Amino acid sequence: MAAVVREGAKLEPGRDMRIRGVRSRGPEPLAAKWESGARKQPRRGLHGVAAALPQASAQVSEVAAWLLVAAYLLLLWAAVQLSLQQLLTGPGPSGDGDVFNALRARKYLQDITDFGPRPAGSPANEILTVNYLLDQIQKIKEGSTAVHSIAVDVQRPTGFFSIDFLGGFTSYYANVANVVVKLEPKNGAKHAVLANCHFDSVANSPGASDDAVSCAVMLEILNVLSKSTSPLQHAIIVVFNGAEENILQASHGFITQHPWAKLVRAFINLEAAGVGGKEIVFQTGPENPWLVQAYARAAKHPFASVVGQEVFQSGIIPSDTDFRIYRDYGNVPGIDLAFIENGYIYHTKYDTADRIHLDSIQRAGDNILAVLQYLATSEELADSTQYRHGSVVFFDVLGLFVVAYPKRIGTIINCLVAVATVLYLGRKFSLSKSYGSHYRSDLLYGIGITIICWFIIFVTILIVAVFVSLTGHSMSWYSHFYVSVILYGSIALMKLLLIHTLAKNLYYGKNVNKVYLSELYFDVSLTIWCCILIYFTQRDLCSAYVPGLWVAFPLLVKLLIGRELKQKGPTLKLTAVYLLGLSIPHLLTIYLFWAAFEMFTPILGRSGTEIPPDIVLASIIAACTIILTAYFVSLIYLCRSTKWTLLSLGIVFLGSASLVCSGVFFPYSADPTSPHPKRVFLQHTTRTFHNLNGEIVKKDSGIWINGFDYTLMSHVTPHIPEINDTVRSPCENAPFCGFPWYLPVHGFIRKNWYLPALELPIRTPVALKLISKYKLPSQSVNMTFEVDGPSHMTLYIRPREGSSITRSSVGDASSLYSIDGDYFFFYSHGLQAPPWQFWLEIQTLDPTPDEMVVIAVASHYLFGEEQRTRELIALEKRFPEWCFISSWTSTYDSFVL
């Protein structure tokens, strides 16, 4: 960087160059020559980032400086990309042995997905897949060594639970399927580690990544372990779970009812939010830091983030896994892993076995096999409660190794870093006071300017995002991610440069020592990061390690090279050391942000009709820009000018905005190699509304259309003109607006369409019967109902005004969740389940009420001959190829009691 600096003019003696650029009147005191950095080389002066950068003077070449920054960040980005894309060089050996074989696992995966979509209750799930798993497990059992014992059990549990997911609802299941395998030493074991995967899928998707690949991996791991001649100390229980997509039902059945569940001391859950790539550890615990240490020691190809854990558990991501059930209902600590790459085709017809790379399977198998072997021979597993002490901070470094330490140690480190920063700044305050400098007030003004700058960046970028959304060009980046980076990143950088350039030229003035300003804004960034570190630590967040990195490494490097800079000046070696120090927080932060973009960008394509995705993505890009440039703001004050950079950024922004608003970048893609489909749900439904006397007051049939993203049907209407605002669904005065919601997501999807259609030819319609009704001494009424219908039904209950549910067969009032006065119950069953019977106790203030409650039941036909009608198939075919259509038939019947 030394080459980018010119020899500057000498400072004029006898002039007071205060930080605000105001000249004093009268003679200058001797001490004031040091003030605001006016002396070129003060005896005990400030010698910071400006010195760390090459500085024969305070003038730096604009082009060279920003090219150097760009090259530096691009180099780090390339290192992150290399790490994220690097899987393995190839699968393990094809022969038998104690090494995981991805080729054999791929065969299992292909066989399972060949059965097609496998919703719970379907023959593909309950018979074909279950029998296939039993056949493969039997073959593994026959080939096992004498040191192991293998037991298999097919569990079909019935139960219920309430969960505060998607606003809260109650789930009831009957005869769902679990295939459970226990591999243990020949003499048995008192303790076990559990591995969980699920073989069911959502309707209309083969579910290769979610979650057939995990079950294929577990089959191969069982095969490897069974052939090992080394005995295990503890048992390994594998649950092949047949009803996870029914919102975690089968795992609840296992952990609350299966006799082997009492042996479980820890678990590993294998999930997916994308298709292939690296599997990330995004949840651990609760507490039990020894589990993360086990993963750190055993995993061959680690990928883990405590930041992901805190983001996921905050509820920002509308998803949940079996981890929650084992943690909450089994009181067992565990590790949650998920594939996150290419979430655009998650839960779609494109989620096929051929899209999951063999290297990805090998990588997952190597990791999970190693961790299971480690846990099955560990001393901690036998008495995990002994090692239950606090949470743990963990993160991997570019997939090379995992850094993990107890949170209490992290708190101590954070406090030491904060104290060191306070001492550093305190010394500056004392020096400036000795010489009569205004350093303290300058620092406060610098912090104020920086915060104002950040505020303006966010306001500007949100204005742009709102404008793009209102003009009908939202999600233009969905198939072209870098469009969002260029559009929103360029305006964020332009605002950052503009605000600080104006501050330099208008607020500080031209005669201020540029080195001093550069030094000042290094300290501003350091102070702000230190405040963030203190806040995160006070909030007890494990993610506090991130601001800790942004304080510790810049401060450490500055303290290390400060003295040598005074003696030798800014040599190439010292500049390299400074950038090297910044590279560590930069590298790990880019690594985190890229994982966030990998996960959040596809999620924005299924986040509902109410959240403008451009605002969300633009905000993330703005935050990324601010964080990555925090310690480069100093360069703005060293540069001779920023006009060419501002002009270039302005041209880039205007060009990208023009292209976006002209519709050049279409959001969706049907490219078979990399599809980015729009998700549309179609339900051919018949709705029937009854009054208090049981008479039908309204009945209609139609195709109910739900789009899962913010663009609604704007891109579909040109292809299917009848889907327009004139057929928007009205909200009926009935539970959940009188429509057959499969899950309580109506808060996310408030805009939908209802095309008139013929009545459904349902052969086995749903039947709701009132079995009994009697009054209780507590002025309550007990009602018992029986519901008979398909494998998936949803029940909606709305107590009338003055009435309330006090108890039920699935929980009392405190455990039932009400959404705007309506209660949501999700029901599913496996094969040959009896009709569902349940009872309610309803209390009313009116001793002789006419109406106490409205009950509606919706049936969902997710497979078989009744899944689709001719009208449904005909409408599906009219949708453009860049749409993924998930369709089924349903009914909605409401009754007043």
Foldseek 3Di string as FASTA:
>chain_A
DLVFEDQDDQQDPQWQQAQQRDTDDDGDDPLSCPFQNNDVFDPPHDFFDLLLAFPSALAGAQVVLVVVVVVLLVVLLVLLVCLQPDFDPDADDPDAALAFGLVQLLVQLQLLLVLPAFAFFDCSQQPVVVVVVVVLVVVLQVQFDPQKDKDKDKDQFWFKAWDPALQIFIETEGGTIKIKMKIATPVAAQAEEEEEAESHAFFAASCSVFPSSVVSLVSSLSSSVRHDPDHFHHMYMYIHFHHVVLPQPRLLRCCQPPPCNNRYAEYEYEGALAAFGAKEFQAWDPFLLVLVVLLQVFQPFYFYAPVSNVVVVVCPFNDDGNQVSCCPVNVHIYTYIYHQFHSLCPRFHLNGSVLHDSSRSSNVSRSVSRSNRSLRHDPCSVPVVVRRDAHKQWGDQSRRGMDIDHLVVVLVLLVVLLVVLVVVVVVVVVVCVVSVYPLVVLLVVLLVLLVVLLVVLLVVLLVLLVVLVVLLLFLLCQVPVVLLCLQLVLSLVLSLLVSLLCCLPPRRHDSRRLSSLLRSLLSSLLVVLSVVLVVCVVVSRSVSVLSVLVNPLLVVLRVVCSVVCSVPTNDPVSSVSNSVSVSVSSSVVSSVLVSVCSRVSSSQLQQFAPDRVSSVSSVSSSVNSCVNCSSVSSVSSSHPDCVVVSVVSVVSNVVSSVCSSVPVRPNFDLPSVRGNFWEKEKAFEKEFEAEQVRDTPDIFTWIKMFTRHNSTCPVFCVLVVVPDPVFKQAQPPAFPSRDFDLDSNCVRYVTIGTGGDDHAPDPFDKDKDFPDWDADPVQKIKTKIWIDDRFKKKKKKAFDPQKDWAAKPNGGPVRFRADVRMHIYIYGYHPPGDIDMMMTIMHGPDSDDSFTMKMKMKDWDSDDPQFDDPVRVVVVVSGDSSHGYRYGYMYMYMHTD
